Amino acid sequence: MTRHIVTTDDDPAIRKILRIMLKKAGYEVTPCENGNELLHLLENTTTSIDLILLDIKMPGPTGFEILERIARKYPSIPVVMLTAFNDLDTGMKAIRLGAFDYLTKPIRQEELYSCIHRALEKASEEQRKKEIDEEHLAIRKKLEAELRKTKSTLQRSTISTLEAFSETIEQKDPYTKGHCNRVRTLAVALAKTLNLDEKTLQIIEGGALLHDIGKISIPEEILNKNGSLTGEEYSLIKTHPEAGVRIITHIPSFKQYIPIIRSHHERIDGRGYPDNMKGEDIPLDVKIVSLADAFDAMTSSRAYRSALPTELAVEEIKLNAGTQFDADLVHVFIEHELYLL
């Protein structure tokens, strides 16, 4: 492919010499008399320009002024400055302003060819690098899009599986129908109000759906008993968090929900079960699900009692703030009227 070089010099003799030397080397040449003509060419040409030879001292805008504009607007075009001043400072200034190199007049043919060759080679390398970077960026964006799609599909699949598990739990206890889903709704709403990150929201959602999975191990006659539980029966009920952990341990992708499953009956005052955790030892996501679980349990009918009116359940939550429930979470829960969900 023939390379296109634009020469810019106010001296017609130099323009002619450059044209002859460049044509001899097989380049396409377009001469310009001054910087304004060069800028007009750059703005209006439909053909590509591979390199510019630019004189420093010209009438009108100087070569340095034109160079700065080219470097800003056409950074991919290499510029070689031409100067009659054989001093290092002038050349270094040209390079600082964006020139590839500079040549001192009178210009020797071999030196011109060598400089142009190096400039074009460097420009080609930079263009190849740019194309590779763009290709890598396109591939990365494609992979990221596919990853997001896969992640979304897996997340939907995970939620569907969690919902199926919670439905299995509720099949044993008709009085808790929809309980896990309502706990999820309340817990996620509370977590969003606290501006928790997406990963924590997902853990809270999954943990809320699975928090009672261990009740599968409890006999239905105890779960559905129409009356007070005996001490032995209550002790058996209290084993469901640990039973839930044993079940979920067999599903590696669900292990992130274990803290909520095991500890959703812990209390701030340390009187909960199974580990008598207290205060700050209880993770925030566990505290959130515990509050949502207790509130929905109070406002739902059970075999042994009727549902409490919402206003009484709210008062009960307030009464137990700081003992059973985290006081700050209770405040947010009530302040934002999440009990109305």
C-alpha atoms as a PDB file:
ATOM      1  CA  MET A   1       0.000   0.000   0.000  1.00  0.00           C
ATOM      2  CA  THR A   2       1.387   3.435  -1.016  1.00  0.00           C
ATOM      3  CA  ARG A   3       1.945   5.659   2.011  1.00  0.00           C
ATOM      4  CA  HIS A   4       0.669   9.231   1.872  1.00  0.00           C
ATOM      5  CA  ILE A   5       3.006  11.971   3.154  1.00  0.00           C
ATOM      6  CA  VAL A   6       2.104  15.654   3.433  1.00  0.00           C
ATOM      7  CA  THR A   7       4.955  18.175   3.277  1.00  0.00           C
ATOM      8  CA  THR A   8       4.491  21.696   4.653  1.00  0.00           C
ATOM      9  CA  ASP A   9       7.073  24.380   3.928  1.00  0.00           C
ATOM     10  CA  ASP A  10       6.804  27.984   2.750  1.00  0.00           C
ATOM     11  CA  ASP A  11       9.900  27.596   0.549  1.00  0.00           C
ATOM     12  CA  PRO A  12       8.850  26.270  -2.921  1.00  0.00           C
ATOM     13  CA  ALA A  13      12.348  24.942  -3.610  1.00  0.00           C
ATOM     14  CA  ILE A  14      12.289  22.769  -0.496  1.00  0.00           C
ATOM     15  CA  ARG A  15       8.766  21.558  -1.311  1.00  0.00           C
ATOM     16  CA  LYS A  16      10.003  20.527  -4.760  1.00  0.00           C
ATOM     17  CA  ILE A  17      13.095  18.725  -3.417  1.00  0.00           C
ATOM     18  CA  LEU A  18      11.011  16.853  -0.819  1.00  0.00           C
ATOM     19  CA  ARG A  19       8.445  15.890  -3.450  1.00  0.00           C
ATOM     20  CA  ILE A  20      11.149  14.497  -5.750  1.00  0.00           C
ATOM     21  CA  MET A  21      12.868  12.503  -2.995  1.00  0.00           C
ATOM     22  CA  LEU A  22       9.611  11.110  -1.621  1.00  0.00           C
ATOM     23  CA  LYS A  23       8.194  10.234  -5.043  1.00  0.00           C
ATOM     24  CA  LYS A  24      11.450   8.445  -5.816  1.00  0.00           C
ATOM     25  CA  ALA A  25      10.960   6.346  -2.686  1.00  0.00           C
ATOM     26  CA  GLY A  26       7.435   5.414  -3.784  1.00  0.00           C
ATOM     27  CA  TYR A  27       5.400   7.675  -1.513  1.00  0.00           C
ATOM     28  CA  GLU A  28       2.292   9.640  -2.481  1.00  0.00           C
ATOM     29  CA  VAL A  29       3.018  13.308  -1.736  1.00  0.00           C
ATOM     30  CA  THR A  30       0.778  16.301  -1.053  1.00  0.00           C
ATOM     31  CA  PRO A  31       2.584  19.639  -0.619  1.00  0.00           C
ATOM     32  CA  CYS A  32       1.272  22.525   1.505  1.00  0.00           C
ATOM     33  CA  GLU A  33       2.643  26.087   1.570  1.00  0.00           C
ATOM     34  CA  ASN A  34       1.784  26.904   5.184  1.00  0.00           C
ATOM     35  CA  GLY A  35       0.139  25.720   8.372  1.00  0.00           C
ATOM     36  CA  ASN A  36      -3.350  26.973   7.521  1.00  0.00           C
ATOM     37  CA  GLU A  37      -3.310  25.042   4.235  1.00  0.00           C
ATOM     38  CA  LEU A  38      -2.236  21.926   6.139  1.00  0.00           C
ATOM     39  CA  LEU A  39      -5.027  22.300   8.703  1.00  0.00           C
ATOM     40  CA  HIS A  40      -7.587  22.772   5.916  1.00  0.00           C
ATOM     41  CA  LEU A  41      -6.294  19.617   4.225  1.00  0.00           C
ATOM     42  CA  LEU A  42      -6.522  17.631   7.458  1.00  0.00           C
ATOM     43  CA  GLU A  43     -10.104  18.751   8.025  1.00  0.00           C
ATOM     44  CA  ASN A  44     -11.316  18.112   4.484  1.00  0.00           C
ATOM     45  CA  THR A  45      -9.324  15.248   2.965  1.00  0.00           C
ATOM     46  CA  THR A  46     -11.040  11.949   2.358  1.00  0.00           C
ATOM     47  CA  THR A  47      -7.767  10.037   2.018  1.00  0.00           C
ATOM     48  CA  SER A  48      -5.643   8.883   4.906  1.00  0.00           C
ATOM     49  CA  ILE A  49      -2.470  10.764   5.818  1.00  0.00           C
ATOM     50  CA  ASP A  50       0.335   8.548   7.076  1.00  0.00           C
ATOM     51  CA  LEU A  51       2.951  11.176   7.994  1.00  0.00           C
ATOM     52  CA  ILE A  52       3.485  14.940   8.020  1.00  0.00           C
ATOM     53  CA  LEU A  53       6.760  16.782   7.351  1.00  0.00           C
ATOM     54  CA  LEU A  54       6.330  20.177   8.990  1.00  0.00           C
ATOM     55  CA  ASP A  55       8.603  23.209   8.803  1.00  0.00           C
ATOM     56  CA  ILE A  56       9.037  25.088  12.086  1.00  0.00           C
ATOM     57  CA  LYS A  57       9.487  28.634  10.802  1.00  0.00           C
ATOM     58  CA  MET A  58       6.643  29.685   8.481  1.00  0.00           C
ATOM     59  CA  PRO A  59       4.492  32.803   7.954  1.00  0.00           C
ATOM     60  CA  GLY A  60       1.226  32.685   9.875  1.00  0.00           C
ATOM     61  CA  PRO A  61       0.977  29.950  12.508  1.00  0.00           C
ATOM     62  CA  THR A  62       4.425  28.560  13.317  1.00  0.00           C
ATOM     63  CA  GLY A  63       5.256  24.911  12.970  1.00  0.00           C
ATOM     64  CA  PHE A  64       5.170  24.530  16.755  1.00  0.00           C
ATOM     65  CA  GLU A  65       1.630  25.986  16.917  1.00  0.00           C
ATOM     66  CA  ILE A  66       0.437  23.694  14.137  1.00  0.00           C
ATOM     67  CA  LEU A  67       2.155  20.738  15.804  1.00  0.00           C
ATOM     68  CA  GLU A  68       0.263  21.308  19.054  1.00  0.00           C
ATOM     69  CA  ARG A  69      -3.073  21.327  17.194  1.00  0.00           C
ATOM     70  CA  ILE A  70      -2.188  18.167  15.275  1.00  0.00           C
ATOM     71  CA  ALA A  71      -1.084  16.403  18.472  1.00  0.00           C
ATOM     72  CA  ARG A  72      -4.447  17.224  20.077  1.00  0.00           C
ATOM     73  CA  LYS A  73      -6.757  16.497  17.155  1.00  0.00           C
ATOM     74  CA  TYR A  74      -4.853  13.922  15.070  1.00  0.00           C
ATOM     75  CA  PRO A  75      -2.584  12.108  17.553  1.00  0.00           C
ATOM     76  CA  SER A  76      -2.237   8.999  15.382  1.00  0.00           C
ATOM     77  CA  ILE A  77      -0.462  10.871  12.558  1.00  0.00           C
ATOM     78  CA  PRO A  78       3.318  11.033  13.148  1.00  0.00           C
ATOM     79  CA  VAL A  79       4.934  14.450  12.560  1.00  0.00           C
ATOM     80  CA  VAL A  80       8.595  15.075  11.675  1.00  0.00           C
ATOM     81  CA  MET A  81       9.669  18.679  12.126  1.00  0.00           C
ATOM     82  CA  LEU A  82      12.000  20.426   9.679  1.00  0.00           C
ATOM     83  CA  THR A  83      14.274  23.153  11.015  1.00  0.00           C
ATOM     84  CA  ALA A  84      17.081  25.335   9.754  1.00  0.00           C
ATOM     85  CA  PHE A  85      18.375  25.655  13.299  1.00  0.00           C
ATOM     86  CA  ASN A  86      20.866  22.947  14.124  1.00  0.00           C
ATOM     87  CA  ASP A  87      20.453  23.104  17.880  1.00  0.00           C
ATOM     88  CA  LEU A  88      19.337  20.476  20.368  1.00  0.00           C
ATOM     89  CA  ASP A  89      16.894  22.720  22.252  1.00  0.00           C
ATOM     90  CA  THR A  90      14.768  23.294  19.153  1.00  0.00           C
ATOM     91  CA  GLY A  91      14.606  19.573  18.448  1.00  0.00           C
ATOM     92  CA  MET A  92      13.759  18.686  22.045  1.00  0.00           C
ATOM     93  CA  LYS A  93      10.997  21.285  22.097  1.00  0.00           C
ATOM     94  CA  ALA A  94       9.505  19.725  18.971  1.00  0.00           C
ATOM     95  CA  ILE A  95       9.531  16.268  20.554  1.00  0.00           C
ATOM     96  CA  ARG A  96       8.034  17.592  23.813  1.00  0.00           C
ATOM     97  CA  LEU A  97       5.166  19.080  21.792  1.00  0.00           C
ATOM     98  CA  GLY A  98       4.436  15.712  20.163  1.00  0.00           C
ATOM     99  CA  ALA A  99       6.727  15.373  17.165  1.00  0.00           C
ATOM    100  CA  PHE A 100       8.173  11.957  16.397  1.00  0.00           C
ATOM    101  CA  ASP A 101      11.540  13.454  15.463  1.00  0.00           C
ATOM    102  CA  TYR A 102      13.142  16.446  13.730  1.00  0.00           C
ATOM    103  CA  LEU A 103      15.438  16.905  10.730  1.00  0.00           C
ATOM    104  CA  THR A 104      17.843  19.763  10.096  1.00  0.00           C
ATOM    105  CA  LYS A 105      17.989  21.499   6.699  1.00  0.00           C
ATOM    106  CA  PRO A 106      19.510  20.901   4.237  1.00  0.00           C
ATOM    107  CA  ILE A 107      17.924  17.458   4.430  1.00  0.00           C
ATOM    108  CA  ARG A 108      19.952  14.476   3.281  1.00  0.00           C
ATOM    109  CA  GLN A 109      18.072  11.811   1.363  1.00  0.00           C
ATOM    110  CA  GLU A 110      19.279   8.825   3.427  1.00  0.00           C
ATOM    111  CA  GLU A 111      18.495  10.601   6.679  1.00  0.00           C
ATOM    112  CA  LEU A 112      15.009  11.519   5.422  1.00  0.00           C
ATOM    113  CA  TYR A 113      14.217   7.959   4.324  1.00  0.00           C
ATOM    114  CA  SER A 114      15.484   6.500   7.602  1.00  0.00           C
ATOM    115  CA  CYS A 115      13.471   8.922   9.736  1.00  0.00           C
ATOM    116  CA  ILE A 116      10.278   8.359   7.733  1.00  0.00           C
ATOM    117  CA  HIS A 117      10.732   4.589   7.885  1.00  0.00           C
ATOM    118  CA  ARG A 118      11.102   4.676  11.678  1.00  0.00           C
ATOM    119  CA  ALA A 119       8.129   6.989  12.082  1.00  0.00           C
ATOM    120  CA  LEU A 120       5.851   4.855   9.912  1.00  0.00           C
ATOM    121  CA  GLU A 121       6.976   1.658  11.642  1.00  0.00           C
ATOM    122  CA  LYS A 122       6.225   3.132  15.055  1.00  0.00           C
ATOM    123  CA  ALA A 123       2.834   4.411  13.879  1.00  0.00           C
ATOM    124  CA  SER A 124       2.020   0.953  12.504  1.00  0.00           C
ATOM    125  CA  GLU A 125       3.006  -0.687  15.795  1.00  0.00           C
ATOM    126  CA  GLU A 126       0.853   1.734  17.750  1.00  0.00           C
ATOM    127  CA  GLN A 127      -2.078   1.136  15.399  1.00  0.00           C
ATOM    128  CA  ARG A 128      -1.679  -2.640  15.741  1.00  0.00           C
ATOM    129  CA  LYS A 129      -1.535  -2.249  19.522  1.00  0.00           C
ATOM    130  CA  LYS A 130      -4.654  -0.088  19.444  1.00  0.00           C
ATOM    131  CA  GLU A 131      -6.478  -2.668  17.316  1.00  0.00           C
ATOM    132  CA  ILE A 132      -5.400  -5.464  19.665  1.00  0.00           C
ATOM    133  CA  ASP A 133      -6.504  -3.436  22.695  1.00  0.00           C
ATOM    134  CA  GLU A 134      -9.863  -2.744  21.042  1.00  0.00           C
ATOM    135  CA  GLU A 135     -10.242  -6.418  20.185  1.00  0.00           C
ATOM    136  CA  HIS A 136      -9.387  -7.411  23.761  1.00  0.00           C
ATOM    137  CA  LEU A 137     -11.841  -4.815  25.080  1.00  0.00           C
ATOM    138  CA  ALA A 138     -14.580  -6.151  22.801  1.00  0.00           C
ATOM    139  CA  ILE A 139     -13.849  -9.720  23.920  1.00  0.00           C
ATOM    140  CA  ARG A 140     -13.830  -8.649  27.576  1.00  0.00           C
ATOM    141  CA  LYS A 141     -17.152  -6.830  27.198  1.00  0.00           C
ATOM    142  CA  LYS A 142     -18.633  -9.872  25.474  1.00  0.00           C
ATOM    143  CA  LEU A 143     -17.370 -12.181  28.232  1.00  0.00           C
ATOM    144  CA  GLU A 144     -18.643  -9.820  30.920  1.00  0.00           C
ATOM    145  CA  ALA A 145     -22.069  -9.741  29.248  1.00  0.00           C
ATOM    146  CA  GLU A 146     -22.119 -13.530  29.035  1.00  0.00           C
ATOM    147  CA  LEU A 147     -20.991 -13.759  32.662  1.00  0.00           C
ATOM    148  CA  ARG A 148     -23.761 -11.399  33.765  1.00  0.00           C
ATOM    149  CA  LYS A 149     -26.268 -13.449  31.801  1.00  0.00           C
ATOM    150  CA  THR A 150     -24.987 -16.701  33.279  1.00  0.00           C
ATOM    151  CA  LYS A 151     -24.913 -15.202  36.765  1.00  0.00           C
ATOM    152  CA  SER A 152     -28.483 -13.970  36.357  1.00  0.00           C
ATOM    153  CA  THR A 153     -29.603 -17.394  35.132  1.00  0.00           C
ATOM    154  CA  LEU A 154     -27.847 -19.120  38.042  1.00  0.00           C
ATOM    155  CA  GLN A 155     -29.343 -16.641  40.485  1.00  0.00           C
ATOM    156  CA  ARG A 156     -32.850 -17.253  39.163  1.00  0.00           C
ATOM    157  CA  SER A 157     -32.220 -20.983  39.325  1.00  0.00           C
ATOM    158  CA  THR A 158     -30.900 -20.674  42.886  1.00  0.00           C
ATOM    159  CA  ILE A 159     -33.919 -18.655  44.023  1.00  0.00           C
ATOM    160  CA  SER A 160     -36.255 -21.182  42.400  1.00  0.00           C
ATOM    161  CA  THR A 161     -34.478 -23.977  44.267  1.00  0.00           C
ATOM    162  CA  LEU A 162     -34.668 -22.046  47.539  1.00  0.00           C
ATOM    163  CA  GLU A 163     -38.366 -21.425  47.021  1.00  0.00           C
ATOM    164  CA  ALA A 164     -38.880 -25.121  46.370  1.00  0.00           C
ATOM    165  CA  PHE A 165     -37.095 -25.923  49.645  1.00  0.00           C
ATOM    166  CA  SER A 166     -39.223 -23.444  51.581  1.00  0.00           C
ATOM    167  CA  GLU A 167     -42.354 -24.905  49.993  1.00  0.00           C
ATOM    168  CA  THR A 168     -41.222 -28.352  51.186  1.00  0.00           C
ATOM    169  CA  ILE A 169     -40.958 -27.028  54.736  1.00  0.00           C
ATOM    170  CA  GLU A 170     -44.418 -25.479  54.643  1.00  0.00           C
ATOM    171  CA  GLN A 171     -46.011 -28.660  53.305  1.00  0.00           C
ATOM    172  CA  LYS A 172     -45.427 -30.175  56.770  1.00  0.00           C
ATOM    173  CA  ASP A 173     -47.064 -27.248  58.548  1.00  0.00           C
ATOM    174  CA  PRO A 174     -50.137 -25.741  56.845  1.00  0.00           C
ATOM    175  CA  TYR A 175     -50.281 -22.995  59.463  1.00  0.00           C
ATOM    176  CA  THR A 176     -46.968 -21.562  58.253  1.00  0.00           C
ATOM    177  CA  LYS A 177     -47.987 -21.471  54.588  1.00  0.00           C
ATOM    178  CA  GLY A 178     -46.166 -18.547  52.967  1.00  0.00           C
ATOM    179  CA  HIS A 179     -44.180 -17.799  56.133  1.00  0.00           C
ATOM    180  CA  CYS A 180     -40.718 -18.180  54.573  1.00  0.00           C
ATOM    181  CA  ASN A 181     -41.663 -16.018  51.608  1.00  0.00           C
ATOM    182  CA  ARG A 182     -43.083 -13.285  53.850  1.00  0.00           C
ATOM    183  CA  VAL A 183     -39.949 -13.386  56.012  1.00  0.00           C
ATOM    184  CA  ARG A 184     -37.921 -12.977  52.826  1.00  0.00           C
ATOM    185  CA  THR A 185     -39.984  -9.933  51.806  1.00  0.00           C
ATOM    186  CA  LEU A 186     -39.601  -8.251  55.207  1.00  0.00           C
ATOM    187  CA  ALA A 187     -35.916  -9.104  55.625  1.00  0.00           C
ATOM    188  CA  VAL A 188     -34.902  -7.949  52.141  1.00  0.00           C
ATOM    189  CA  ALA A 189     -36.900  -4.722  52.550  1.00  0.00           C
ATOM    190  CA  LEU A 190     -35.138  -4.031  55.864  1.00  0.00           C
ATOM    191  CA  ALA A 191     -31.738  -4.807  54.321  1.00  0.00           C
ATOM    192  CA  LYS A 192     -32.406  -2.486  51.377  1.00  0.00           C
ATOM    193  CA  THR A 193     -33.435   0.284  53.759  1.00  0.00           C
ATOM    194  CA  LEU A 194     -30.020  -0.142  55.393  1.00  0.00           C
ATOM    195  CA  ASN A 195     -28.370   0.131  51.943  1.00  0.00           C
ATOM    196  CA  LEU A 196     -26.609  -3.209  52.291  1.00  0.00           C
ATOM    197  CA  ASP A 197     -24.630  -4.482  49.308  1.00  0.00           C
ATOM    198  CA  GLU A 198     -26.035  -6.833  46.677  1.00  0.00           C
ATOM    199  CA  LYS A 199     -24.122  -9.881  47.945  1.00  0.00           C
ATOM    200  CA  THR A 200     -25.519  -9.427  51.468  1.00  0.00           C
ATOM    201  CA  LEU A 201     -29.028  -8.950  50.061  1.00  0.00           C
ATOM    202  CA  GLN A 202     -28.734 -12.277  48.231  1.00  0.00           C
ATOM    203  CA  ILE A 203     -27.553 -14.043  51.398  1.00  0.00           C
ATOM    204  CA  ILE A 204     -30.416 -12.533  53.407  1.00  0.00           C
ATOM    205  CA  GLU A 205     -32.952 -13.538  50.749  1.00  0.00           C
ATOM    206  CA  GLY A 206     -31.693 -17.115  50.576  1.00  0.00           C
ATOM    207  CA  GLY A 207     -31.263 -17.410  54.338  1.00  0.00           C
ATOM    208  CA  ALA A 208     -34.793 -16.124  54.929  1.00  0.00           C
ATOM    209  CA  LEU A 209     -36.235 -18.719  52.562  1.00  0.00           C
ATOM    210  CA  LEU A 210     -34.223 -21.514  54.204  1.00  0.00           C
ATOM    211  CA  HIS A 211     -34.208 -20.427  57.854  1.00  0.00           C
ATOM    212  CA  ASP A 212     -36.717 -23.109  58.907  1.00  0.00           C
ATOM    213  CA  ILE A 213     -35.433 -25.923  56.663  1.00  0.00           C
ATOM    214  CA  GLY A 214     -34.541 -27.952  59.751  1.00  0.00           C
ATOM    215  CA  LYS A 215     -38.230 -28.298  60.653  1.00  0.00           C
ATOM    216  CA  ILE A 216     -38.324 -31.112  58.110  1.00  0.00           C
ATOM    217  CA  SER A 217     -36.800 -33.206  60.894  1.00  0.00           C
ATOM    218  CA  ILE A 218     -39.565 -32.359  63.391  1.00  0.00           C
ATOM    219  CA  PRO A 219     -42.602 -34.709  63.543  1.00  0.00           C
ATOM    220  CA  GLU A 220     -45.758 -33.148  62.080  1.00  0.00           C
ATOM    221  CA  GLU A 221     -47.768 -33.890  65.215  1.00  0.00           C
ATOM    222  CA  ILE A 222     -45.472 -31.583  67.158  1.00  0.00           C
ATOM    223  CA  LEU A 223     -45.387 -28.864  64.508  1.00  0.00           C
ATOM    224  CA  ASN A 224     -49.186 -28.907  64.199  1.00  0.00           C
ATOM    225  CA  LYS A 225     -50.007 -29.510  67.877  1.00  0.00           C
ATOM    226  CA  ASN A 226     -53.124 -27.603  68.924  1.00  0.00           C
ATOM    227  CA  GLY A 227     -51.996 -26.598  72.370  1.00  0.00           C
ATOM    228  CA  SER A 228     -48.942 -25.938  74.492  1.00  0.00           C
ATOM    229  CA  LEU A 229     -45.830 -27.980  73.898  1.00  0.00           C
ATOM    230  CA  THR A 230     -44.344 -30.115  76.623  1.00  0.00           C
ATOM    231  CA  GLY A 231     -40.790 -29.402  77.734  1.00  0.00           C
ATOM    232  CA  GLU A 232     -39.573 -32.381  75.743  1.00  0.00           C
ATOM    233  CA  GLU A 233     -41.466 -31.274  72.629  1.00  0.00           C
ATOM    234  CA  TYR A 234     -40.133 -27.736  72.917  1.00  0.00           C
ATOM    235  CA  SER A 235     -36.599 -29.092  73.270  1.00  0.00           C
ATOM    236  CA  LEU A 236     -37.141 -31.056  70.069  1.00  0.00           C
ATOM    237  CA  ILE A 237     -38.423 -27.950  68.271  1.00  0.00           C
ATOM    238  CA  LYS A 238     -35.273 -26.131  69.351  1.00  0.00           C
ATOM    239  CA  THR A 239     -33.149 -28.635  67.432  1.00  0.00           C
ATOM    240  CA  HIS A 240     -34.399 -27.444  64.043  1.00  0.00           C
ATOM    241  CA  PRO A 241     -31.612 -24.835  63.492  1.00  0.00           C
ATOM    242  CA  GLU A 242     -28.894 -27.448  63.908  1.00  0.00           C
ATOM    243  CA  ALA A 243     -30.859 -29.933  61.809  1.00  0.00           C
ATOM    244  CA  GLY A 244     -31.089 -27.294  59.105  1.00  0.00           C
ATOM    245  CA  VAL A 245     -27.320 -26.840  59.158  1.00  0.00           C
ATOM    246  CA  ARG A 246     -26.807 -30.594  58.736  1.00  0.00           C
ATOM    247  CA  ILE A 247     -29.104 -30.585  55.708  1.00  0.00           C
ATOM    248  CA  ILE A 248     -27.550 -27.548  54.011  1.00  0.00           C
ATOM    249  CA  THR A 249     -23.967 -28.714  54.645  1.00  0.00           C
ATOM    250  CA  HIS A 250     -24.502 -31.228  51.832  1.00  0.00           C
ATOM    251  CA  ILE A 251     -25.142 -28.399  49.335  1.00  0.00           C
ATOM    252  CA  PRO A 252     -21.891 -26.393  48.938  1.00  0.00           C
ATOM    253  CA  SER A 253     -23.523 -23.449  47.157  1.00  0.00           C
ATOM    254  CA  PHE A 254     -25.949 -23.013  50.081  1.00  0.00           C
ATOM    255  CA  LYS A 255     -23.309 -22.908  52.834  1.00  0.00           C
ATOM    256  CA  GLN A 256     -23.416 -19.101  52.825  1.00  0.00           C
ATOM    257  CA  TYR A 257     -26.893 -19.350  54.374  1.00  0.00           C
ATOM    258  CA  ILE A 258     -25.756 -21.456  57.340  1.00  0.00           C
ATOM    259  CA  PRO A 259     -25.292 -18.578  59.842  1.00  0.00           C
ATOM    260  CA  ILE A 260     -28.909 -17.475  59.317  1.00  0.00           C
ATOM    261  CA  ILE A 261     -30.227 -21.042  59.464  1.00  0.00           C
ATOM    262  CA  ARG A 262     -28.318 -21.835  62.653  1.00  0.00           C
ATOM    263  CA  SER A 263     -28.705 -18.562  64.526  1.00  0.00           C
ATOM    264  CA  HIS A 264     -32.078 -17.032  63.628  1.00  0.00           C
ATOM    265  CA  HIS A 265     -33.375 -17.845  67.143  1.00  0.00           C
ATOM    266  CA  GLU A 266     -30.472 -16.185  68.947  1.00  0.00           C
ATOM    267  CA  ARG A 267     -31.272 -13.121  71.073  1.00  0.00           C
ATOM    268  CA  ILE A 268     -29.424  -9.899  71.815  1.00  0.00           C
ATOM    269  CA  ASP A 269     -29.508 -10.701  75.548  1.00  0.00           C
ATOM    270  CA  GLY A 270     -27.931 -14.138  75.025  1.00  0.00           C
ATOM    271  CA  ARG A 271     -31.032 -16.139  75.974  1.00  0.00           C
ATOM    272  CA  GLY A 272     -31.614 -17.557  72.499  1.00  0.00           C
ATOM    273  CA  TYR A 273     -30.619 -20.904  71.011  1.00  0.00           C
ATOM    274  CA  PRO A 274     -28.718 -23.006  70.044  1.00  0.00           C
ATOM    275  CA  ASP A 275     -25.499 -21.147  70.996  1.00  0.00           C
ATOM    276  CA  ASN A 276     -26.609 -18.426  73.436  1.00  0.00           C
ATOM    277  CA  MET A 277     -24.963 -15.784  71.267  1.00  0.00           C
ATOM    278  CA  LYS A 278     -25.464 -12.189  72.305  1.00  0.00           C
ATOM    279  CA  GLY A 279     -25.152  -8.602  71.080  1.00  0.00           C
ATOM    280  CA  GLU A 280     -22.496  -7.923  68.496  1.00  0.00           C
ATOM    281  CA  ASP A 281     -21.589 -11.617  68.284  1.00  0.00           C
ATOM    282  CA  ILE A 282     -24.733 -12.102  66.230  1.00  0.00           C
ATOM    283  CA  PRO A 283     -24.151 -11.195  62.540  1.00  0.00           C
ATOM    284  CA  LEU A 284     -26.262  -8.378  61.091  1.00  0.00           C
ATOM    285  CA  ASP A 285     -27.911 -10.571  58.461  1.00  0.00           C
ATOM    286  CA  VAL A 286     -28.981 -12.984  61.202  1.00  0.00           C
ATOM    287  CA  LYS A 287     -30.465 -10.137  63.270  1.00  0.00           C
ATOM    288  CA  ILE A 288     -32.416  -8.915  60.239  1.00  0.00           C
ATOM    289  CA  VAL A 289     -33.940 -12.329  59.480  1.00  0.00           C
ATOM    290  CA  SER A 290     -34.645 -12.930  63.196  1.00  0.00           C
ATOM    291  CA  LEU A 291     -36.707  -9.732  63.420  1.00  0.00           C
ATOM    292  CA  ALA A 292     -38.595 -10.488  60.202  1.00  0.00           C
ATOM    293  CA  ASP A 293     -39.210 -14.080  61.326  1.00  0.00           C
ATOM    294  CA  ALA A 294     -40.563 -13.077  64.724  1.00  0.00           C
ATOM    295  CA  PHE A 295     -42.820 -10.345  63.350  1.00  0.00           C
ATOM    296  CA  ASP A 296     -44.367 -12.624  60.726  1.00  0.00           C
ATOM    297  CA  ALA A 297     -44.793 -15.411  63.291  1.00  0.00           C
ATOM    298  CA  MET A 298     -46.717 -13.008  65.567  1.00  0.00           C
ATOM    299  CA  THR A 299     -48.993 -11.773  62.779  1.00  0.00           C
ATOM    300  CA  SER A 300     -49.737 -15.258  61.407  1.00  0.00           C
ATOM    301  CA  SER A 301     -52.254 -17.778  62.765  1.00  0.00           C
ATOM    302  CA  ARG A 302     -50.802 -20.938  64.262  1.00  0.00           C
ATOM    303  CA  ALA A 303     -52.376 -24.209  65.407  1.00  0.00           C
ATOM    304  CA  TYR A 304     -52.126 -23.114  69.032  1.00  0.00           C
ATOM    305  CA  ARG A 305     -53.124 -19.410  68.695  1.00  0.00           C
ATOM    306  CA  SER A 306     -54.644 -16.749  66.442  1.00  0.00           C
ATOM    307  CA  ALA A 307     -52.635 -14.058  64.698  1.00  0.00           C
ATOM    308  CA  LEU A 308     -51.900 -10.869  66.605  1.00  0.00           C
ATOM    309  CA  PRO A 309     -53.151  -7.587  65.107  1.00  0.00           C
ATOM    310  CA  THR A 310     -50.343  -5.666  63.441  1.00  0.00           C
ATOM    311  CA  GLU A 311     -50.397  -2.850  65.993  1.00  0.00           C
ATOM    312  CA  LEU A 312     -49.991  -5.298  68.887  1.00  0.00           C
ATOM    313  CA  ALA A 313     -47.149  -7.085  67.086  1.00  0.00           C
ATOM    314  CA  VAL A 314     -45.414  -3.737  66.580  1.00  0.00           C
ATOM    315  CA  GLU A 315     -45.753  -2.984  70.294  1.00  0.00           C
ATOM    316  CA  GLU A 316     -44.337  -6.423  71.105  1.00  0.00           C
ATOM    317  CA  ILE A 317     -41.358  -5.738  68.822  1.00  0.00           C
ATOM    318  CA  LYS A 318     -40.787  -2.390  70.565  1.00  0.00           C
ATOM    319  CA  LEU A 319     -41.048  -4.024  73.987  1.00  0.00           C
ATOM    320  CA  ASN A 320     -38.339  -6.543  73.103  1.00  0.00           C
ATOM    321  CA  ALA A 321     -35.957  -4.089  71.420  1.00  0.00           C
ATOM    322  CA  GLY A 322     -32.537  -4.454  72.999  1.00  0.00           C
ATOM    323  CA  THR A 323     -33.331  -7.825  74.567  1.00  0.00           C
ATOM    324  CA  GLN A 324     -34.641 -10.146  71.871  1.00  0.00           C
ATOM    325  CA  PHE A 325     -34.088  -7.839  68.891  1.00  0.00           C
ATOM    326  CA  ASP A 326     -31.433  -5.348  67.834  1.00  0.00           C
ATOM    327  CA  ALA A 327     -32.739  -1.949  68.950  1.00  0.00           C
ATOM    328  CA  ASP A 328     -31.401  -0.106  65.888  1.00  0.00           C
ATOM    329  CA  LEU A 329     -33.075  -2.550  63.522  1.00  0.00           C
ATOM    330  CA  VAL A 330     -36.360  -2.221  65.400  1.00  0.00           C
ATOM    331  CA  HIS A 331     -36.146   1.558  65.018  1.00  0.00           C
ATOM    332  CA  VAL A 332     -35.576   1.302  61.253  1.00  0.00           C
ATOM    333  CA  PHE A 333     -38.294  -1.359  60.892  1.00  0.00           C
ATOM    334  CA  ILE A 334     -40.862   0.885  62.567  1.00  0.00           C
ATOM    335  CA  GLU A 335     -39.607   4.245  61.274  1.00  0.00           C
ATOM    336  CA  HIS A 336     -39.961   3.050  57.657  1.00  0.00           C
ATOM    337  CA  GLU A 337     -43.260   1.233  58.365  1.00  0.00           C
ATOM    338  CA  LEU A 338     -41.960  -2.043  57.002  1.00  0.00           C
ATOM    339  CA  TYR A 339     -44.597  -3.811  59.120  1.00  0.00           C
ATOM    340  CA  LEU A 340     -47.140  -2.692  56.513  1.00  0.00           C
ATOM    341  CA  LEU A 341     -45.594  -4.830  53.749  1.00  0.00           C
END
